[in-house]
């Protein structure tokens, strides 16, 4: 299966990387601190804004906003020095990261809102803590540590209004939306990366005025690249029911 194209476009990116075989990448506080130090060096060199971050024992989440098409360069500037540091410190050899890092370009404000909460609530979901701000290695805690002022300079977390929603636990439907956003399909056309699914299923199907209106929107969503099974799951219908609607209109 070919790799999904890397989106280098300027804007918001959700970046994830894991340790090889899901091994731990942080063993001591010093390791977390070293990683943050390396992120700050990369931030100064490649001119991006770090909006949110969560460092878990075997993976990390970054929500960054780039100003240039240099995502691969700046993540390499983070991953490579940290792997060298860790291997040297713990006298290990071999691959450190589980393949290349994953990133998702954030096209949608709803996705951005869910993403902030998803990242900050990662320790809660993993039962490491019970509320936002308690986990030491998430930005909701680090942002109040003055030693990290430069790291989170211009972060949207510095805007007071965002804190009113951060601790609203994500619903099951919002987790489904998160998964949906993560599955957005891109296609490389000449030198541009084009998003095939231009709207989320929430935008298509959250509201409709009649069954006819709903069926029309189902067809639009399918035309935008969504599978009948995805639509059926979102609406709580059977796959056969969605197939019937498609065949009825074709």
C-alpha atoms as a PDB file:
ATOM      1  CA  UNK A   1       0.000   0.000   0.000  1.00  0.00           C
ATOM      2  CA  UNK A   2       1.498   3.398  -0.952  1.00  0.00           C
ATOM      3  CA  UNK A   3       2.193   5.922   1.772  1.00  0.00           C
ATOM      4  CA  UNK A   4      -0.317   8.716   2.176  1.00  0.00           C
ATOM      5  CA  UNK A   5       1.281  11.920   0.861  1.00  0.00           C
ATOM      6  CA  UNK A   6       2.994  14.110   3.436  1.00  0.00           C
ATOM      7  CA  UNK A   7       1.195  17.429   3.794  1.00  0.00           C
ATOM      8  CA  UNK A   8       3.785  20.193   4.149  1.00  0.00           C
ATOM      9  CA  UNK A   9       1.296  23.022   3.650  1.00  0.00           C
ATOM     10  CA  UNK A  10       1.517  25.988   6.039  1.00  0.00           C
ATOM     11  CA  UNK A  11      -1.011  25.814   8.875  1.00  0.00           C
ATOM     12  CA  UNK A  12      -2.025  23.569  11.772  1.00  0.00           C
ATOM     13  CA  UNK A  13      -0.636  20.027  11.956  1.00  0.00           C
ATOM     14  CA  UNK A  14      -1.269  17.217  14.421  1.00  0.00           C
ATOM     15  CA  UNK A  15       1.944  15.200  14.711  1.00  0.00           C
ATOM     16  CA  UNK A  16       2.322  11.808  16.415  1.00  0.00           C
ATOM     17  CA  UNK A  17       5.320   9.522  16.784  1.00  0.00           C
ATOM     18  CA  UNK A  18       5.835   6.341  18.809  1.00  0.00           C
ATOM     19  CA  UNK A  19       8.757   4.337  20.049  1.00  0.00           C
ATOM     20  CA  UNK A  20       9.668   1.285  17.987  1.00  0.00           C
ATOM     21  CA  UNK A  21       7.538  -1.722  19.007  1.00  0.00           C
ATOM     22  CA  UNK A  22       5.716   0.764  21.263  1.00  0.00           C
ATOM     23  CA  UNK A  23       8.708   0.829  23.608  1.00  0.00           C
ATOM     24  CA  UNK A  24       8.954   3.686  26.076  1.00  0.00           C
ATOM     25  CA  UNK A  25      10.678   6.806  24.782  1.00  0.00           C
ATOM     26  CA  UNK A  26      10.746   8.565  28.167  1.00  0.00           C
ATOM     27  CA  UNK A  27      12.070   6.838  31.294  1.00  0.00           C
ATOM     28  CA  UNK A  28      12.951   9.726  33.610  1.00  0.00           C
ATOM     29  CA  UNK A  29      11.955  13.365  34.091  1.00  0.00           C
ATOM     30  CA  UNK A  30      15.268  14.335  32.509  1.00  0.00           C
ATOM     31  CA  UNK A  31      14.150  12.654  29.274  1.00  0.00           C
ATOM     32  CA  UNK A  32      10.935  14.656  29.064  1.00  0.00           C
ATOM     33  CA  UNK A  33      12.873  17.832  29.800  1.00  0.00           C
ATOM     34  CA  UNK A  34      15.445  17.033  27.106  1.00  0.00           C
ATOM     35  CA  UNK A  35      12.691  16.471  24.533  1.00  0.00           C
ATOM     36  CA  UNK A  36      11.115  19.850  25.370  1.00  0.00           C
ATOM     37  CA  UNK A  37      14.522  21.506  25.096  1.00  0.00           C
ATOM     38  CA  UNK A  38      14.977  20.010  21.616  1.00  0.00           C
ATOM     39  CA  UNK A  39      11.469  21.133  20.559  1.00  0.00           C
ATOM     40  CA  UNK A  40      12.315  24.681  21.632  1.00  0.00           C
ATOM     41  CA  UNK A  41      15.534  24.648  19.578  1.00  0.00           C
ATOM     42  CA  UNK A  42      13.574  23.413  16.545  1.00  0.00           C
ATOM     43  CA  UNK A  43      10.922  26.075  17.136  1.00  0.00           C
ATOM     44  CA  UNK A  44      13.501  28.854  17.069  1.00  0.00           C
ATOM     45  CA  UNK A  45      15.193  27.485  13.963  1.00  0.00           C
ATOM     46  CA  UNK A  46      12.122  26.668  11.874  1.00  0.00           C
ATOM     47  CA  UNK A  47       9.701  29.369  13.032  1.00  0.00           C
ATOM     48  CA  UNK A  48       6.575  27.514  14.093  1.00  0.00           C
ATOM     49  CA  UNK A  49       4.083  27.910  16.940  1.00  0.00           C
ATOM     50  CA  UNK A  50       3.534  25.099  19.418  1.00  0.00           C
ATOM     51  CA  UNK A  51      -0.135  25.218  20.428  1.00  0.00           C
ATOM     52  CA  UNK A  52      -0.500  21.977  22.385  1.00  0.00           C
ATOM     53  CA  UNK A  53       1.610  19.026  23.426  1.00  0.00           C
ATOM     54  CA  UNK A  54       1.356  15.796  25.386  1.00  0.00           C
ATOM     55  CA  UNK A  55       4.302  13.511  26.093  1.00  0.00           C
ATOM     56  CA  UNK A  56       3.215   9.993  27.038  1.00  0.00           C
ATOM     57  CA  UNK A  57       5.607   7.227  28.042  1.00  0.00           C
ATOM     58  CA  UNK A  58       5.828   5.649  24.559  1.00  0.00           C
ATOM     59  CA  UNK A  59       4.592   8.366  22.188  1.00  0.00           C
ATOM     60  CA  UNK A  60       4.034  12.086  21.803  1.00  0.00           C
ATOM     61  CA  UNK A  61       1.405  14.426  20.383  1.00  0.00           C
ATOM     62  CA  UNK A  62       2.233  17.878  19.013  1.00  0.00           C
ATOM     63  CA  UNK A  63      -0.205  20.453  17.664  1.00  0.00           C
ATOM     64  CA  UNK A  64       1.900  22.945  15.749  1.00  0.00           C
ATOM     65  CA  UNK A  65       1.267  25.768  13.317  1.00  0.00           C
ATOM     66  CA  UNK A  66       3.845  26.157  10.566  1.00  0.00           C
ATOM     67  CA  UNK A  67       4.530  29.350   8.647  1.00  0.00           C
ATOM     68  CA  UNK A  68       6.623  27.672   5.962  1.00  0.00           C
ATOM     69  CA  UNK A  69       6.552  24.350   4.112  1.00  0.00           C
ATOM     70  CA  UNK A  70       9.152  22.813   6.387  1.00  0.00           C
ATOM     71  CA  UNK A  71       7.254  20.298   8.520  1.00  0.00           C
ATOM     72  CA  UNK A  72       9.508  17.321   7.700  1.00  0.00           C
ATOM     73  CA  UNK A  73      12.639  19.351   8.420  1.00  0.00           C
ATOM     74  CA  UNK A  74      11.478  20.593  11.800  1.00  0.00           C
ATOM     75  CA  UNK A  75      10.211  17.191  12.982  1.00  0.00           C
ATOM     76  CA  UNK A  76      13.483  15.605  11.862  1.00  0.00           C
ATOM     77  CA  UNK A  77      15.244  18.271  13.949  1.00  0.00           C
ATOM     78  CA  UNK A  78      13.233  17.003  16.936  1.00  0.00           C
ATOM     79  CA  UNK A  79      13.262  13.238  16.363  1.00  0.00           C
ATOM     80  CA  UNK A  80      16.862  12.675  15.340  1.00  0.00           C
ATOM     81  CA  UNK A  81      18.634  14.530  18.196  1.00  0.00           C
ATOM     82  CA  UNK A  82      16.294  13.012  20.767  1.00  0.00           C
ATOM     83  CA  UNK A  83      16.874   9.472  19.489  1.00  0.00           C
ATOM     84  CA  UNK A  84      20.644  10.077  19.621  1.00  0.00           C
ATOM     85  CA  UNK A  85      20.351  11.430  23.174  1.00  0.00           C
ATOM     86  CA  UNK A  86      18.260   8.464  24.361  1.00  0.00           C
ATOM     87  CA  UNK A  87      20.422   5.801  22.695  1.00  0.00           C
ATOM     88  CA  UNK A  88      23.573   7.334  24.071  1.00  0.00           C
ATOM     89  CA  UNK A  89      22.180   7.730  27.590  1.00  0.00           C
ATOM     90  CA  UNK A  90      20.751   4.221  27.852  1.00  0.00           C
ATOM     91  CA  UNK A  91      23.441   2.523  25.742  1.00  0.00           C
ATOM     92  CA  UNK A  92      20.981   1.103  23.232  1.00  0.00           C
ATOM     93  CA  UNK A  93      21.336   0.554  19.488  1.00  0.00           C
ATOM     94  CA  UNK A  94      18.943   0.134  16.586  1.00  0.00           C
ATOM     95  CA  UNK A  95      15.845   1.941  15.421  1.00  0.00           C
ATOM     96  CA  UNK A  96      14.279   4.215  18.000  1.00  0.00           C
ATOM     97  CA  UNK A  97      11.085   5.495  16.334  1.00  0.00           C
ATOM     98  CA  UNK A  98       8.312   3.325  14.940  1.00  0.00           C
ATOM     99  CA  UNK A  99       8.729   4.361  11.323  1.00  0.00           C
ATOM    100  CA  UNK A 100       8.261   7.882  10.036  1.00  0.00           C
ATOM    101  CA  UNK A 101       6.166  10.311  12.050  1.00  0.00           C
ATOM    102  CA  UNK A 102       2.465  10.719  11.261  1.00  0.00           C
ATOM    103  CA  UNK A 103       0.857  14.071  10.635  1.00  0.00           C
ATOM    104  CA  UNK A 104      -2.615  15.310   9.795  1.00  0.00           C
ATOM    105  CA  UNK A 105      -3.296  18.738   8.337  1.00  0.00           C
ATOM    106  CA  UNK A 106      -6.106  20.483  10.222  1.00  0.00           C
ATOM    107  CA  UNK A 107      -8.566  21.839   7.666  1.00  0.00           C
ATOM    108  CA  UNK A 108     -11.551  22.171   9.949  1.00  0.00           C
ATOM    109  CA  UNK A 109     -12.230  24.382  13.012  1.00  0.00           C
ATOM    110  CA  UNK A 110     -14.334  21.611  14.552  1.00  0.00           C
ATOM    111  CA  UNK A 111     -11.376  19.256  14.159  1.00  0.00           C
ATOM    112  CA  UNK A 112      -9.093  21.844  15.788  1.00  0.00           C
ATOM    113  CA  UNK A 113     -11.449  22.187  18.765  1.00  0.00           C
ATOM    114  CA  UNK A 114     -11.693  18.428  19.257  1.00  0.00           C
ATOM    115  CA  UNK A 115      -7.927  18.065  18.769  1.00  0.00           C
ATOM    116  CA  UNK A 116      -7.053  20.427  21.625  1.00  0.00           C
ATOM    117  CA  UNK A 117      -9.250  18.417  23.967  1.00  0.00           C
ATOM    118  CA  UNK A 118      -8.083  15.056  22.608  1.00  0.00           C
ATOM    119  CA  UNK A 119      -4.417  15.918  23.181  1.00  0.00           C
ATOM    120  CA  UNK A 120      -4.896  17.467  26.621  1.00  0.00           C
ATOM    121  CA  UNK A 121      -7.224  14.640  27.741  1.00  0.00           C
ATOM    122  CA  UNK A 122      -4.836  11.865  26.646  1.00  0.00           C
ATOM    123  CA  UNK A 123      -3.570  11.298  30.228  1.00  0.00           C
ATOM    124  CA  UNK A 124      -7.177  11.181  31.481  1.00  0.00           C
ATOM    125  CA  UNK A 125      -8.123   8.595  28.867  1.00  0.00           C
ATOM    126  CA  UNK A 126      -5.063   6.558  29.896  1.00  0.00           C
ATOM    127  CA  UNK A 127      -6.126   6.868  33.577  1.00  0.00           C
ATOM    128  CA  UNK A 128      -2.903   8.651  34.555  1.00  0.00           C
ATOM    129  CA  UNK A 129      -4.800  11.584  36.014  1.00  0.00           C
ATOM    130  CA  UNK A 130      -8.370  12.728  36.559  1.00  0.00           C
ATOM    131  CA  UNK A 131      -8.500  16.270  35.237  1.00  0.00           C
ATOM    132  CA  UNK A 132      -6.847  18.789  32.925  1.00  0.00           C
ATOM    133  CA  UNK A 133      -3.711  20.417  34.311  1.00  0.00           C
ATOM    134  CA  UNK A 134      -2.655  17.570  36.612  1.00  0.00           C
ATOM    135  CA  UNK A 135      -0.397  15.677  34.208  1.00  0.00           C
ATOM    136  CA  UNK A 136       3.065  17.205  34.304  1.00  0.00           C
ATOM    137  CA  UNK A 137       4.007  16.554  30.656  1.00  0.00           C
ATOM    138  CA  UNK A 138       0.960  18.049  28.938  1.00  0.00           C
ATOM    139  CA  UNK A 139       0.863  21.674  27.814  1.00  0.00           C
ATOM    140  CA  UNK A 140      -2.116  22.428  30.096  1.00  0.00           C
ATOM    141  CA  UNK A 141       0.317  21.960  32.978  1.00  0.00           C
ATOM    142  CA  UNK A 142       3.581  23.113  31.406  1.00  0.00           C
ATOM    143  CA  UNK A 143       2.148  26.397  30.174  1.00  0.00           C
ATOM    144  CA  UNK A 144       2.046  27.680  33.771  1.00  0.00           C
ATOM    145  CA  UNK A 145       5.740  26.918  34.276  1.00  0.00           C
ATOM    146  CA  UNK A 146       7.603  30.129  33.461  1.00  0.00           C
ATOM    147  CA  UNK A 147      10.642  28.171  32.285  1.00  0.00           C
ATOM    148  CA  UNK A 148       8.576  27.167  29.225  1.00  0.00           C
ATOM    149  CA  UNK A 149       7.332  30.646  28.295  1.00  0.00           C
ATOM    150  CA  UNK A 150       9.271  30.688  25.008  1.00  0.00           C
ATOM    151  CA  UNK A 151       8.123  27.189  24.094  1.00  0.00           C
ATOM    152  CA  UNK A 152       4.436  28.131  24.230  1.00  0.00           C
ATOM    153  CA  UNK A 153       4.761  31.693  22.991  1.00  0.00           C
ATOM    154  CA  UNK A 154       1.632  32.617  20.939  1.00  0.00           C
ATOM    155  CA  UNK A 155      -0.095  29.315  21.775  1.00  0.00           C
ATOM    156  CA  UNK A 156      -3.879  29.439  21.585  1.00  0.00           C
ATOM    157  CA  UNK A 157      -3.828  27.968  25.093  1.00  0.00           C
ATOM    158  CA  UNK A 158      -2.853  31.440  26.277  1.00  0.00           C
ATOM    159  CA  UNK A 159      -6.324  32.658  25.282  1.00  0.00           C
ATOM    160  CA  UNK A 160      -8.586  32.404  28.317  1.00  0.00           C
ATOM    161  CA  UNK A 161     -11.708  31.366  26.425  1.00  0.00           C
ATOM    162  CA  UNK A 162     -10.246  28.003  25.403  1.00  0.00           C
ATOM    163  CA  UNK A 163      -9.932  26.827  29.006  1.00  0.00           C
ATOM    164  CA  UNK A 164     -13.703  26.816  29.409  1.00  0.00           C
ATOM    165  CA  UNK A 165     -13.945  23.851  27.010  1.00  0.00           C
ATOM    166  CA  UNK A 166     -10.685  21.960  27.578  1.00  0.00           C
ATOM    167  CA  UNK A 167     -12.014  19.913  30.475  1.00  0.00           C
ATOM    168  CA  UNK A 168     -15.281  18.980  28.731  1.00  0.00           C
ATOM    169  CA  UNK A 169     -14.743  15.253  28.329  1.00  0.00           C
ATOM    170  CA  UNK A 170     -15.000  14.179  24.707  1.00  0.00           C
ATOM    171  CA  UNK A 171     -18.198  12.321  23.923  1.00  0.00           C
ATOM    172  CA  UNK A 172     -18.350   9.050  21.997  1.00  0.00           C
ATOM    173  CA  UNK A 173     -19.608  10.966  18.970  1.00  0.00           C
ATOM    174  CA  UNK A 174     -16.673  13.372  19.204  1.00  0.00           C
ATOM    175  CA  UNK A 175     -14.246  10.430  19.324  1.00  0.00           C
ATOM    176  CA  UNK A 176     -15.912   9.123  16.153  1.00  0.00           C
ATOM    177  CA  UNK A 177     -15.477  12.568  14.589  1.00  0.00           C
ATOM    178  CA  UNK A 178     -11.817  12.564  15.624  1.00  0.00           C
ATOM    179  CA  UNK A 179     -11.343   9.184  13.936  1.00  0.00           C
ATOM    180  CA  UNK A 180     -13.134  10.523  10.868  1.00  0.00           C
ATOM    181  CA  UNK A 181     -10.880  13.554  10.638  1.00  0.00           C
ATOM    182  CA  UNK A 182      -7.814  11.316  11.023  1.00  0.00           C
ATOM    183  CA  UNK A 183      -8.951   9.298   7.990  1.00  0.00           C
ATOM    184  CA  UNK A 184      -9.209  12.278   5.634  1.00  0.00           C
ATOM    185  CA  UNK A 185      -7.828  11.310   2.247  1.00  0.00           C
ATOM    186  CA  UNK A 186      -5.338  13.428   0.274  1.00  0.00           C
ATOM    187  CA  UNK A 187      -4.181  13.220  -3.300  1.00  0.00           C
ATOM    188  CA  UNK A 188      -1.018  14.668  -4.818  1.00  0.00           C
ATOM    189  CA  UNK A 189      -1.756  16.771  -7.888  1.00  0.00           C
ATOM    190  CA  UNK A 190       1.385  18.224  -9.449  1.00  0.00           C
ATOM    191  CA  UNK A 191       3.035  20.133  -6.583  1.00  0.00           C
ATOM    192  CA  UNK A 192      -0.100  20.468  -4.447  1.00  0.00           C
ATOM    193  CA  UNK A 193      -1.695  18.158  -1.873  1.00  0.00           C
ATOM    194  CA  UNK A 194      -5.467  18.229  -2.332  1.00  0.00           C
ATOM    195  CA  UNK A 195      -7.968  17.065   0.260  1.00  0.00           C
ATOM    196  CA  UNK A 196     -10.519  14.741  -1.311  1.00  0.00           C
ATOM    197  CA  UNK A 197     -13.054  14.924   1.499  1.00  0.00           C
ATOM    198  CA  UNK A 198     -13.815  18.630   1.597  1.00  0.00           C
ATOM    199  CA  UNK A 199     -16.311  18.445   4.472  1.00  0.00           C
ATOM    200  CA  UNK A 200     -16.672  16.310   7.577  1.00  0.00           C
ATOM    201  CA  UNK A 201     -19.656  13.985   7.902  1.00  0.00           C
ATOM    202  CA  UNK A 202     -20.805  16.251  10.710  1.00  0.00           C
ATOM    203  CA  UNK A 203     -21.040  19.135   8.229  1.00  0.00           C
ATOM    204  CA  UNK A 204     -22.963  16.993   5.762  1.00  0.00           C
ATOM    205  CA  UNK A 205     -25.346  15.149   8.036  1.00  0.00           C
ATOM    206  CA  UNK A 206     -25.650  16.813  11.431  1.00  0.00           C
ATOM    207  CA  UNK A 207     -28.841  18.616  10.367  1.00  0.00           C
ATOM    208  CA  UNK A 208     -31.350  18.047   7.598  1.00  0.00           C
ATOM    209  CA  UNK A 209     -34.898  19.268   7.023  1.00  0.00           C
ATOM    210  CA  UNK A 210     -36.446  16.071   5.644  1.00  0.00           C
ATOM    211  CA  UNK A 211     -35.618  12.521   4.593  1.00  0.00           C
ATOM    212  CA  UNK A 212     -35.239  13.762   1.041  1.00  0.00           C
ATOM    213  CA  UNK A 213     -32.772  16.394   2.234  1.00  0.00           C
ATOM    214  CA  UNK A 214     -30.907  13.734   4.250  1.00  0.00           C
ATOM    215  CA  UNK A 215     -30.717  11.418   1.234  1.00  0.00           C
ATOM    216  CA  UNK A 216     -29.408  14.232  -0.947  1.00  0.00           C
ATOM    217  CA  UNK A 217     -26.690  14.955   1.597  1.00  0.00           C
ATOM    218  CA  UNK A 218     -25.801  11.256   1.771  1.00  0.00           C
ATOM    219  CA  UNK A 219     -25.178  11.275  -1.976  1.00  0.00           C
ATOM    220  CA  UNK A 220     -23.071  14.455  -1.682  1.00  0.00           C
ATOM    221  CA  UNK A 221     -20.963  12.848   1.050  1.00  0.00           C
ATOM    222  CA  UNK A 222     -20.430   9.737  -1.087  1.00  0.00           C
ATOM    223  CA  UNK A 223     -19.447  11.973  -3.994  1.00  0.00           C
ATOM    224  CA  UNK A 224     -16.875  13.578  -1.702  1.00  0.00           C
ATOM    225  CA  UNK A 225     -15.238  10.208  -1.063  1.00  0.00           C
ATOM    226  CA  UNK A 226     -16.992   8.824   2.032  1.00  0.00           C
ATOM    227  CA  UNK A 227     -17.798   5.110   2.146  1.00  0.00           C
ATOM    228  CA  UNK A 228     -21.370   3.927   2.570  1.00  0.00           C
ATOM    229  CA  UNK A 229     -20.270   2.075   5.732  1.00  0.00           C
ATOM    230  CA  UNK A 230     -18.914   5.316   7.254  1.00  0.00           C
ATOM    231  CA  UNK A 231     -22.203   7.105   6.575  1.00  0.00           C
ATOM    232  CA  UNK A 232     -24.245   4.197   7.934  1.00  0.00           C
ATOM    233  CA  UNK A 233     -22.211   4.203  11.167  1.00  0.00           C
ATOM    234  CA  UNK A 234     -22.578   7.975  11.565  1.00  0.00           C
ATOM    235  CA  UNK A 235     -26.362   7.930  11.042  1.00  0.00           C
ATOM    236  CA  UNK A 236     -26.999   4.713  12.926  1.00  0.00           C
ATOM    237  CA  UNK A 237     -28.378   3.050   9.796  1.00  0.00           C
ATOM    238  CA  UNK A 238     -27.613  -0.336   8.302  1.00  0.00           C
ATOM    239  CA  UNK A 239     -25.214  -0.486   5.366  1.00  0.00           C
ATOM    240  CA  UNK A 240     -28.052  -2.036   3.379  1.00  0.00           C
ATOM    241  CA  UNK A 241     -30.223   0.979   4.166  1.00  0.00           C
ATOM    242  CA  UNK A 242     -27.634   3.426   2.841  1.00  0.00           C
ATOM    243  CA  UNK A 243     -27.082   1.218  -0.210  1.00  0.00           C
ATOM    244  CA  UNK A 244     -30.829   1.276  -0.875  1.00  0.00           C
ATOM    245  CA  UNK A 245     -30.821   5.103  -0.776  1.00  0.00           C
ATOM    246  CA  UNK A 246     -27.890   5.236  -3.216  1.00  0.00           C
ATOM    247  CA  UNK A 247     -29.515   2.772  -5.624  1.00  0.00           C
ATOM    248  CA  UNK A 248     -32.811   4.620  -5.360  1.00  0.00           C
ATOM    249  CA  UNK A 249     -31.209   7.851  -6.509  1.00  0.00           C
ATOM    250  CA  UNK A 250     -28.974   6.372  -9.187  1.00  0.00           C
END
